Protein backbone atom coordinates (compact mmCIF):
# COMPACT_ATOMS: atom_id res chain seq x y z
CA MET A 1 0.00 0.00 0.00
CA ASP A 2 1.50 3.34 -1.03
CA SER A 3 -0.61 5.89 0.84
CA ARG A 4 -3.79 6.64 2.73
CA ILE A 5 -6.17 9.59 2.51
CA THR A 6 -7.95 10.73 5.65
CA ALA A 7 -11.66 11.42 5.77
CA ARG A 8 -11.01 15.10 6.47
CA THR A 9 -8.71 15.44 3.46
CA LEU A 10 -11.13 13.59 1.20
CA VAL A 11 -14.06 15.76 2.29
CA GLY A 12 -12.02 18.88 1.51
CA ALA A 13 -11.08 17.55 -1.93
CA LEU A 14 -14.67 16.59 -2.73
CA GLY A 15 -16.00 20.10 -2.13
CA GLY A 16 -19.60 20.41 -3.33
CA TRP A 17 -20.01 16.74 -4.19
CA ARG A 18 -23.83 16.58 -3.86
CA THR A 19 -24.54 17.28 -7.53
CA ARG A 20 -27.25 14.69 -8.27
CA ASP A 21 -29.53 12.08 -6.80
CA PRO A 22 -29.16 9.44 -5.55
CA ALA A 23 -26.60 10.81 -3.09
CA TYR A 24 -24.40 7.71 -3.22
CA GLU A 25 -23.88 8.11 -6.98
CA ALA A 26 -23.02 11.78 -6.53
CA LEU A 27 -20.44 10.78 -3.91
CA ALA A 28 -19.07 8.07 -6.19
CA ASP A 29 -18.80 10.61 -9.03
CA GLY A 30 -16.85 12.97 -6.79
CA ILE A 31 -14.32 10.27 -5.91
CA ARG A 32 -14.12 9.14 -9.55
CA ILE A 33 -13.11 12.60 -10.74
CA LEU A 34 -10.44 12.79 -8.03
CA CYS A 35 -9.04 9.49 -9.30
CA LEU A 36 -9.28 10.51 -12.96
CA ASP A 37 -7.45 13.79 -12.24
CA ASN A 38 -4.84 11.86 -10.23
CA ARG A 39 -5.61 13.91 -7.13
CA ILE A 40 -6.02 10.53 -5.47
CA ALA A 41 -3.19 8.33 -6.65
CA ALA A 42 -3.57 4.66 -7.46
CA HIS A 43 -3.14 2.28 -4.51
CA THR A 44 -4.42 4.86 -2.02
CA ALA A 45 -6.49 3.54 0.88
CA LEU A 46 -9.82 5.35 1.26
CA PRO A 47 -11.31 6.11 4.68
CA ALA A 48 -13.44 3.46 6.34
CA GLU A 49 -17.13 3.74 5.55
CA ARG A 50 -18.10 4.75 9.09
CA GLU A 51 -15.32 7.38 9.26
CA LEU A 52 -16.22 8.98 5.93
CA ALA A 53 -19.95 8.90 6.70
CA SER A 54 -19.30 10.81 9.91
CA ALA A 55 -17.12 13.39 8.18
CA LEU A 56 -19.69 13.92 5.41
CA ARG A 57 -22.67 13.78 7.79
CA VAL A 58 -24.41 11.13 5.72
CA SER A 59 -25.47 7.60 6.53
CA ARG A 60 -23.01 4.74 6.38
CA THR A 61 -25.36 3.14 3.86
CA THR A 62 -24.73 6.07 1.49
CA VAL A 63 -20.96 5.66 1.71
CA GLY A 64 -21.23 1.88 1.37
CA ALA A 65 -23.33 2.21 -1.78
CA ALA A 66 -20.88 4.76 -3.20
CA TYR A 67 -17.96 2.41 -2.59
CA GLN A 68 -19.91 -0.41 -4.26
CA SER A 69 -20.53 1.81 -7.29
CA LEU A 70 -16.79 2.54 -7.45
CA ARG A 71 -16.01 -1.18 -7.25
CA ASP A 72 -18.47 -1.87 -10.05
CA SER A 73 -16.82 0.76 -12.28
CA GLY A 74 -13.32 -0.53 -11.56
CA HIS A 75 -12.07 2.51 -9.64
CA ILE A 76 -11.52 0.80 -6.27
CA ALA A 77 -11.10 -2.68 -4.85
CA SER A 78 -11.75 -4.00 -1.36
CA LEU A 79 -8.82 -5.88 0.12
CA ARG A 80 -9.02 -7.96 3.27
CA GLY A 81 -7.36 -6.05 6.09
CA SER A 82 -6.83 -2.95 3.95
CA GLY A 83 -10.31 -1.61 3.30
CA SER A 84 -11.06 0.07 -0.02
CA VAL A 85 -8.09 0.96 -2.23
CA THR A 86 -8.02 2.96 -5.46
CA LEU A 87 -6.96 1.12 -8.60
CA PRO A 88 -4.77 2.29 -11.50
CA ARG A 89 -6.80 4.06 -14.14
CA PRO A 90 -7.75 2.17 -17.26
CA ARG A 91 -5.30 2.73 -20.10
CA ARG A 92 -7.85 4.77 -22.03
CA ASP A 93 -7.76 7.41 -19.29
CA LEU A 94 -3.98 7.81 -19.26
CA GLY A 95 -2.45 10.93 -20.81
CA ARG A 96 -4.04 11.98 -24.06
CA VAL A 97 -5.05 8.49 -25.24
CA ALA A 98 -8.66 8.75 -26.42
CA ALA A 99 -11.14 6.11 -25.38
CA HIS A 100 -12.33 5.69 -28.97
CA ASP A 101 -11.96 7.18 -32.40
CA GLY A 102 -13.49 10.63 -32.61
CA ALA A 103 -12.97 11.45 -28.93
CA ILE A 104 -11.81 14.99 -28.15
CA ASP A 105 -9.15 15.31 -25.45
CA LEU A 106 -9.04 18.80 -23.90
CA GLN A 107 -7.44 17.81 -20.63
CA GLN A 108 -4.08 19.32 -21.59
CA ALA A 109 -3.88 22.86 -22.90
CA SER A 110 -1.09 22.40 -25.43
CA PRO A 111 -1.38 23.32 -29.11
CA ALA A 112 -0.16 21.06 -31.90
CA ALA A 113 3.51 21.34 -32.80
CA TRP A 114 4.70 24.48 -34.56
CA PRO A 115 4.70 23.56 -38.28
CA GLY A 116 8.41 24.25 -38.72
CA LEU A 117 9.49 21.94 -35.91
CA ALA A 118 9.88 18.81 -38.04
CA GLY A 119 12.30 20.65 -40.33
CA ILE A 120 14.38 21.84 -37.37
CA ILE A 121 14.55 18.31 -35.98
CA SER A 122 15.67 17.01 -39.38
CA GLU A 123 18.42 19.64 -39.56
CA VAL A 124 19.67 18.75 -36.10
CA ALA A 125 19.63 15.05 -36.96
CA THR A 126 22.20 15.66 -39.70
CA ASP A 127 24.64 16.49 -36.90
CA ALA A 128 23.81 13.30 -35.01
CA ALA A 129 27.39 12.00 -35.08
CA SER A 130 28.70 14.88 -32.97
CA ILE A 131 25.69 14.75 -30.63
CA VAL A 132 25.99 11.04 -29.84
CA ALA A 133 29.70 11.49 -29.19
CA ARG A 134 28.81 13.44 -26.06
CA ALA A 135 27.39 12.20 -22.75
CA GLY A 136 23.79 12.56 -23.89
CA TYR A 137 22.46 14.64 -21.01
CA ASP A 138 23.54 17.64 -18.99
CA VAL A 139 22.53 18.79 -15.50
CA ARG A 140 23.22 22.46 -16.21
CA GLY A 141 22.39 22.82 -19.89
CA ALA A 142 24.31 23.17 -23.13
CA PRO A 143 26.28 26.46 -23.20
CA ALA A 144 24.84 27.41 -26.61
CA LEU A 145 21.26 26.96 -25.41
CA ARG A 146 21.85 28.81 -22.16
CA GLU A 147 23.35 31.70 -24.11
CA ALA A 148 20.39 31.70 -26.53
CA ILE A 149 17.94 31.87 -23.61
CA ALA A 150 20.01 34.60 -21.93
CA GLN A 151 19.98 36.58 -25.18
CA ARG A 152 16.21 36.21 -25.35
CA TYR A 153 15.95 37.79 -21.88
CA ARG A 154 18.35 40.57 -22.86
CA ASP A 155 16.23 41.28 -25.92
CA LEU A 156 13.25 41.64 -23.57
CA GLY A 157 15.13 44.12 -21.39
CA ILE A 158 16.25 41.80 -18.58
CA SER A 159 20.03 41.73 -18.16
CA THR A 160 20.98 38.04 -18.09
CA THR A 161 24.10 35.92 -18.54
CA ALA A 162 24.32 32.26 -19.48
CA GLU A 163 25.52 31.59 -15.92
CA GLN A 164 22.07 32.63 -14.66
CA ILE A 165 20.32 29.91 -16.70
CA VAL A 166 19.83 26.21 -16.00
CA VAL A 167 18.05 24.07 -18.60
CA THR A 168 15.42 21.62 -17.31
CA THR A 169 13.18 18.91 -18.73
CA GLY A 170 10.21 21.25 -19.01
CA ALA A 171 8.61 23.80 -16.70
CA GLN A 172 7.16 21.14 -14.41
CA SER A 173 10.65 19.81 -13.70
CA ALA A 174 11.83 23.38 -13.07
CA ILE A 175 9.10 23.97 -10.49
CA HIS A 176 9.88 20.68 -8.73
CA LEU A 177 13.59 21.58 -8.58
CA LEU A 178 12.84 25.01 -7.12
CA ALA A 179 10.49 23.52 -4.54
CA THR A 180 13.24 21.07 -3.57
CA ILE A 181 15.81 23.75 -2.80
CA LEU A 182 13.58 26.59 -1.58
CA VAL A 183 10.99 24.81 0.57
CA LYS A 184 11.52 23.01 3.86
CA ARG A 185 8.84 20.78 5.34
CA GLY A 186 6.33 22.93 7.17
CA ASP A 187 7.22 26.15 5.32
CA ARG A 188 4.41 28.25 3.96
CA ALA A 189 4.22 28.87 0.22
CA LEU A 190 1.90 31.42 -1.38
CA ILE A 191 0.11 30.36 -4.54
CA GLU A 192 -2.79 31.59 -6.66
CA THR A 193 -6.16 29.88 -6.74
CA PRO A 194 -7.16 28.64 -9.23
CA THR A 195 -3.70 27.68 -10.44
CA TYR A 196 -1.56 25.26 -12.44
CA PRO A 197 -2.25 21.98 -10.58
CA HIS A 198 1.26 20.54 -10.92
CA ALA A 199 2.76 23.60 -9.22
CA ALA A 200 0.55 23.04 -6.18
CA GLN A 201 1.47 19.35 -6.19
CA ALA A 202 5.19 20.12 -6.38
CA LEU A 203 5.02 22.50 -3.42
CA ARG A 204 2.97 20.08 -1.35
CA ALA A 205 5.36 17.25 -2.18
CA ALA A 206 8.20 19.38 -0.81
CA GLY A 207 6.26 19.74 2.45
CA ALA A 208 4.89 23.25 1.98
CA ARG A 209 1.70 24.49 3.59
CA LEU A 210 -0.10 26.42 0.86
CA VAL A 211 -1.51 29.90 1.37
CA ALA A 212 -3.96 30.70 -1.43
CA VAL A 213 -4.64 34.10 -3.01
CA PRO A 214 -7.73 34.29 -5.26
CA VAL A 215 -7.55 35.27 -8.92
CA THR A 216 -10.74 35.88 -10.89
CA THR A 217 -11.42 36.53 -14.54
CA HIS A 218 -13.16 39.84 -13.84
CA ALA A 219 -11.15 41.33 -10.97
CA GLY A 220 -7.75 39.70 -11.25
CA TRP A 221 -5.63 39.22 -8.14
CA ASP A 222 -7.11 39.92 -4.72
CA LEU A 223 -4.37 42.33 -3.72
CA ASP A 224 -5.74 42.96 -0.22
CA ARG A 225 -5.75 39.22 0.48
CA ALA A 226 -2.29 38.88 -1.05
CA THR A 227 -0.84 41.70 1.05
CA GLN A 228 -2.31 40.22 4.22
CA ALA A 229 -1.09 36.73 3.30
CA PHE A 230 2.48 37.92 2.78
CA ALA A 231 2.45 39.92 6.02
CA ARG A 232 0.85 37.25 8.23
CA ALA A 233 2.14 33.98 6.77
CA ARG A 234 5.56 35.29 5.68
CA PRO A 235 5.86 32.55 3.07
CA GLY A 236 9.31 31.43 2.05
CA LEU A 237 8.23 31.15 -1.59
CA ALA A 238 5.46 32.62 -3.71
CA TYR A 239 4.50 31.09 -7.07
CA VAL A 240 2.68 33.36 -9.51
CA MET A 241 1.78 33.32 -13.20
CA PRO A 242 1.39 37.04 -13.99
CA ARG A 243 0.89 36.85 -17.78
CA PHE A 244 -2.15 35.00 -19.14
CA GLN A 245 -2.55 33.09 -15.90
CA ASN A 246 -3.54 29.44 -16.17
CA PRO A 247 -6.51 28.90 -16.04
CA THR A 248 -8.10 32.37 -15.77
CA GLY A 249 -6.25 34.06 -18.64
CA ARG A 250 -5.80 37.24 -16.54
CA SER A 251 -2.63 39.31 -16.60
CA MET A 252 -1.29 41.52 -13.83
CA THR A 253 -1.22 45.24 -14.36
CA GLY A 254 1.91 47.22 -13.57
CA ALA A 255 0.23 48.39 -10.37
CA ASP A 256 -0.53 44.78 -9.41
CA GLU A 257 3.13 43.87 -9.87
CA VAL A 258 4.26 46.74 -7.64
CA VAL A 259 1.97 45.60 -4.81
CA ILE A 260 3.01 41.94 -5.08
CA ALA A 261 6.71 42.74 -5.38
CA ARG A 262 6.66 45.08 -2.37
CA ALA A 263 4.71 42.63 -0.21
CA ALA A 264 7.07 39.79 -1.14
CA HIS A 265 10.13 41.93 -0.40
CA ASP A 266 8.79 43.04 2.98
CA ALA A 267 8.03 39.42 3.94
CA GLY A 268 11.40 38.11 2.77
CA THR A 269 9.64 35.89 0.22
CA VAL A 270 11.32 34.47 -2.88
CA LEU A 271 9.08 35.24 -5.86
CA VAL A 272 8.89 32.52 -8.54
CA VAL A 273 7.40 33.81 -11.80
CA ASP A 274 6.06 31.19 -14.20
CA GLU A 275 6.37 32.54 -17.75
CA THR A 276 5.30 29.44 -19.69
CA THR A 277 2.26 31.25 -21.14
CA ALA A 278 3.67 34.79 -21.02
CA ASP A 279 4.50 35.03 -24.72
CA LEU A 280 1.14 33.73 -25.95
CA ALA A 281 -0.48 37.07 -26.73
CA ILE A 282 -3.33 36.94 -29.23
CA ASP A 283 -4.74 40.40 -29.82
CA ALA A 284 -1.54 42.43 -29.49
CA SER A 285 2.19 41.90 -29.27
CA PRO A 286 3.40 40.63 -25.89
CA GLY A 287 4.05 43.47 -23.47
CA PRO A 288 7.17 43.79 -21.33
CA PRO A 289 7.96 40.87 -19.03
CA ALA A 290 6.33 40.92 -15.63
CA PHE A 291 8.49 42.09 -12.72
CA ALA A 292 11.13 43.18 -15.24
CA HIS A 293 12.99 45.31 -12.70
CA ASP A 294 12.70 42.96 -9.75
CA ASP A 295 14.99 40.23 -8.50
CA VAL A 296 12.73 37.24 -9.11
CA ILE A 297 13.22 33.65 -10.23
CA ARG A 298 11.79 32.99 -13.69
CA VAL A 299 10.58 29.71 -15.16
CA GLY A 300 10.18 29.28 -18.89
CA SER A 301 9.47 26.50 -21.36
CA LEU A 302 8.99 25.67 -25.03
CA GLY A 303 6.05 23.38 -24.22
CA LYS A 304 3.27 25.87 -24.96
CA THR A 305 5.03 27.93 -27.61
CA VAL A 306 6.57 25.15 -29.75
CA TRP A 307 5.35 21.68 -28.75
CA GLY A 308 4.43 19.89 -25.55
CA GLY A 309 6.54 16.92 -26.62
CA LEU A 310 9.71 19.01 -26.63
CA ARG A 311 10.65 18.68 -22.96
CA VAL A 312 12.87 21.73 -22.63
CA GLY A 313 12.40 24.35 -19.96
CA TRP A 314 14.65 26.62 -17.95
CA ILE A 315 15.14 28.61 -14.78
CA ARG A 316 16.61 32.12 -14.70
CA ALA A 317 17.95 33.05 -11.28
CA ASP A 318 20.96 34.45 -9.47
CA GLU A 319 24.06 32.31 -9.84
CA ASP A 320 23.97 31.07 -6.24
CA ILE A 321 20.45 29.69 -6.80
CA ILE A 322 21.59 28.09 -10.06
CA GLN A 323 24.46 26.38 -8.22
CA GLN A 324 22.02 24.98 -5.63
CA ILE A 325 19.78 23.65 -8.40
CA VAL A 326 22.68 21.98 -10.18
CA ALA A 327 23.82 20.38 -6.90
CA ALA A 328 20.29 19.17 -6.03
CA ARG A 329 19.44 17.81 -9.46
CA PRO A 330 21.30 14.46 -9.79
CA PRO A 331 19.20 12.60 -7.16
CA ARG A 332 16.05 13.57 -9.12
CA GLU A 333 17.27 13.30 -12.71
CA LEU A 334 20.52 13.27 -14.67
CA GLY A 335 19.73 16.28 -16.82
CA THR A 336 18.15 17.36 -20.09
CA PRO A 337 18.82 15.25 -23.22
CA GLU A 338 21.38 16.84 -25.54
CA PHE A 339 19.43 16.18 -28.74
CA GLU A 340 16.43 18.11 -27.45
CA GLN A 341 18.74 20.90 -26.31
CA ALA A 342 20.26 21.07 -29.80
CA VAL A 343 16.76 21.43 -31.26
CA ALA A 344 15.85 24.08 -28.70
CA THR A 345 19.04 26.05 -29.43
CA ARG A 346 17.84 26.57 -33.00
CA LEU A 347 14.28 27.35 -31.92
CA VAL A 348 14.83 30.06 -29.30
CA PRO A 349 16.06 32.69 -31.81
CA LEU A 350 12.99 31.88 -33.95
CA LEU A 351 10.48 32.59 -31.17
CA PRO A 352 9.29 35.95 -32.61
CA GLU A 353 8.32 34.14 -35.84
CA ILE A 354 6.87 31.18 -33.97
CA LEU A 355 4.73 33.38 -31.75
CA LEU A 356 3.06 35.04 -34.72
CA GLN A 357 1.84 31.64 -35.95
CA ARG A 358 0.75 30.69 -32.43
CA ALA A 359 -1.29 33.87 -32.12
CA ASP A 360 -3.23 33.06 -35.29
CA LEU A 361 -3.90 29.48 -34.13
CA LEU A 362 -4.95 30.49 -30.62
CA ARG A 363 -7.14 33.33 -31.89
CA ALA A 364 -9.08 30.94 -34.11
CA GLY A 365 -9.56 28.48 -31.25
CA ARG A 366 -10.56 31.12 -28.71
CA ASP A 367 -13.10 32.72 -31.01
CA ALA A 368 -14.53 29.31 -31.97
CA VAL A 369 -15.18 28.45 -28.32
CA LYS A 370 -16.65 31.85 -27.50
CA ASP A 371 -18.97 31.82 -30.51
CA ALA A 372 -20.11 28.24 -29.86
CA ILE A 373 -20.87 28.88 -26.19
CA ALA A 374 -22.69 32.13 -26.95
CA ALA A 375 -24.94 30.27 -29.37
CA ALA A 376 -25.54 27.07 -27.42
CA LEU A 377 -25.06 27.98 -23.74
CA PRO A 378 -25.88 31.68 -23.39
CA ASP A 379 -26.23 31.50 -19.59
CA TRP A 380 -22.55 30.61 -19.20
CA ARG A 381 -20.15 33.52 -18.64
CA VAL A 382 -17.15 33.50 -20.97
CA PRO A 383 -14.34 35.91 -20.06
CA ASP A 384 -12.54 38.12 -22.55
CA VAL A 385 -8.91 37.03 -22.69
CA GLU A 386 -6.14 38.55 -24.79
CA GLY A 387 -3.84 35.55 -24.71
CA GLY A 388 -2.99 32.26 -23.08
CA VAL A 389 -4.33 28.81 -23.82
CA ALA A 390 -7.75 28.45 -22.16
CA LEU A 391 -11.02 30.03 -21.09
CA TRP A 392 -12.10 29.84 -17.45
CA VAL A 393 -15.83 29.59 -18.13
CA GLU A 394 -18.35 30.27 -15.36
CA LEU A 395 -21.29 27.88 -15.46
CA ASP A 396 -24.76 28.88 -14.29
CA ALA A 397 -24.59 26.20 -11.57
CA PRO A 398 -21.69 24.65 -9.60
CA LEU A 399 -21.78 21.33 -11.43
CA SER A 400 -18.44 21.17 -13.22
CA THR A 401 -17.57 17.73 -11.85
CA GLY A 402 -20.83 16.16 -12.97
CA LEU A 403 -20.56 17.80 -16.38
CA VAL A 404 -17.01 16.51 -16.92
CA LEU A 405 -18.04 12.96 -16.07
CA ALA A 406 -21.11 13.15 -18.33
CA ALA A 407 -19.07 14.60 -21.20
CA ARG A 408 -16.53 11.78 -20.89
CA ALA A 409 -19.28 9.29 -21.59
CA ARG A 410 -19.84 11.12 -24.90
CA GLY A 411 -16.17 11.30 -25.88
CA VAL A 412 -15.16 14.79 -24.68
CA TYR A 413 -12.38 14.78 -22.08
CA LEU A 414 -12.02 17.88 -19.88
CA SER A 415 -10.75 18.65 -16.39
CA SER A 416 -13.25 19.90 -13.82
CA GLY A 417 -12.85 23.31 -12.23
CA SER A 418 -11.95 21.71 -8.92
CA ARG A 419 -8.77 20.35 -10.52
CA PHE A 420 -7.34 23.88 -10.39
CA GLY A 421 -8.42 24.88 -6.90
CA VAL A 422 -6.16 25.10 -3.87
CA ASP A 423 -8.53 25.79 -0.98
CA THR A 424 -11.90 25.88 -2.75
CA PRO A 425 -13.44 23.44 -5.27
CA HIS A 426 -14.17 25.95 -8.11
CA ASP A 427 -16.97 23.65 -9.25
CA ARG A 428 -18.81 26.56 -10.83
CA HIS A 429 -16.03 26.86 -13.41
CA LEU A 430 -14.79 24.78 -16.30
CA ARG A 431 -11.45 25.22 -18.05
CA ILE A 432 -11.89 24.91 -21.81
CA PRO A 433 -8.57 25.02 -23.68
CA PHE A 434 -8.73 26.62 -27.12
CA THR A 435 -5.60 24.89 -28.41
CA ALA A 436 -7.41 22.23 -30.49
CA PRO A 437 -8.63 22.72 -34.08
CA SER A 438 -11.74 24.89 -34.35
CA GLU A 439 -13.93 22.06 -35.65
CA GLU A 440 -13.07 19.91 -32.62
CA LEU A 441 -13.83 22.79 -30.29
CA HIS A 442 -17.24 23.35 -31.92
CA ARG A 443 -18.03 19.65 -31.52
CA ALA A 444 -16.91 19.70 -27.89
CA VAL A 445 -19.21 22.61 -27.05
CA THR A 446 -22.05 20.85 -28.87
CA VAL A 447 -21.56 17.84 -26.59
CA LEU A 448 -21.44 20.07 -23.50
CA ALA A 449 -24.64 21.82 -24.58
CA GLY A 450 -26.38 18.50 -25.12
CA THR A 451 -25.19 17.14 -21.79
CA TRP A 452 -25.70 20.19 -19.57
CA PRO A 453 -29.52 20.06 -19.25
CA THR A 454 -29.33 16.47 -17.97
CA VAL A 455 -26.60 17.33 -15.48
CA ARG A 456 -28.52 20.43 -14.38
CA SER A 457 -31.80 18.61 -13.90
CA ALA A 458 -30.13 15.81 -11.92
CA ALA A 459 -28.99 18.21 -9.19
CA PRO A 460 -30.94 17.64 -5.95
CA VAL A 461 -32.23 21.22 -5.70
CA HIS A 462 -33.14 23.51 -8.59
CA GLY A 463 -33.59 27.20 -9.13
CA GLY A 464 -32.24 29.91 -6.85
CA ASP A 465 -31.37 27.56 -3.99
CA LEU A 466 -29.03 25.37 -6.06
CA LEU A 467 -25.81 27.09 -5.05
CA ASP A 468 -26.63 27.03 -1.34
CA ALA A 469 -27.49 23.35 -1.57
CA ILE A 470 -24.28 22.29 -3.27
CA VAL A 471 -21.55 24.57 -1.94
């Protein structure tokens, strides 16, 4: 047995689980989505029926029936002496593998590869003899790639040397490495909510206690809450995504940055700025980098701009931080493959050209989703976003989890709003990436529109009291 989840933790993760009748199926659905999103890992022991019933304030019969439903669907098994344990997900639910032909997978917000990538890979392959003569991986990063990234920062107005860059296997690896060296068990870490789920997981894995600051599509960052959180919690690290934040699409204003930077400085907090979506402007050219004149740690990646399969990211930081990262890296991984670094070295100088193509692709996808929702689901609130990869859509009832499960049955794979929450379930929201082809996005919204009335009518209370009943 790998782990165990307590009743209290499970209740917090479930949030507003009572989305339909009978209650036991609603509870089973809530646990299913946690398993599908990997928020409950395989081989995790669930709480005993009596314990969970007490925490949820429902009958033990309800919990028992929910567990039986989960056994019937292959999500848990009951083991003698171990209780109920989650099972590995079926292969069709892993990664981006569709359950059947024609399925639409919108769980990951990554566009298709930049059209010129295959040509770049072919060019690099002609130099294969010199590449394979080397070690094959590098814990710091190839000098040519680090210099190309440093030049990119200099072009954006941020003085940077190659010695301030370490190349990683993607942004996720970069965040894990930073959490490893900057967070001690029990430290507080400030993070946005909703947020990039893997960032929250990385900080928790390092032992951090998360302090959440709300971000909304209409008002942006709650600066009063943020200022209070910095002053009271004095977090050792703060993780923010100030340009085209994932999933809300909001960007900080210059005034927002001043408030956050000052509060972090006064609290002695290291500010980690995730720039993986920062260049993905749609309606105008990207503005200046966030916190351009502040001493912050920056995380970047080619995953959103070029291709998710090109696992190349980086960290820009002071040289002493870079040295700590290099020293801490070998126990986790041996470095970034040299072939991918050689490809990335040719791509970084081409980013201005690449970003123009990305803007056209993302604009078409964004507008397709907005138009389709306006026509088919007019009661949903779709924010105006000027860049990024997704829309943080507000539903007219907090039933995101039930909608995601119902849409899966019809071949559309999405992540529920609760996947992105830190301290609240966000079940009134649904992240809809606009990185897929427009025709797929239209079909996905058509499925959601056909499914939503059934999900809505299955909720135990209707009309004006629905929110109070579920939240």
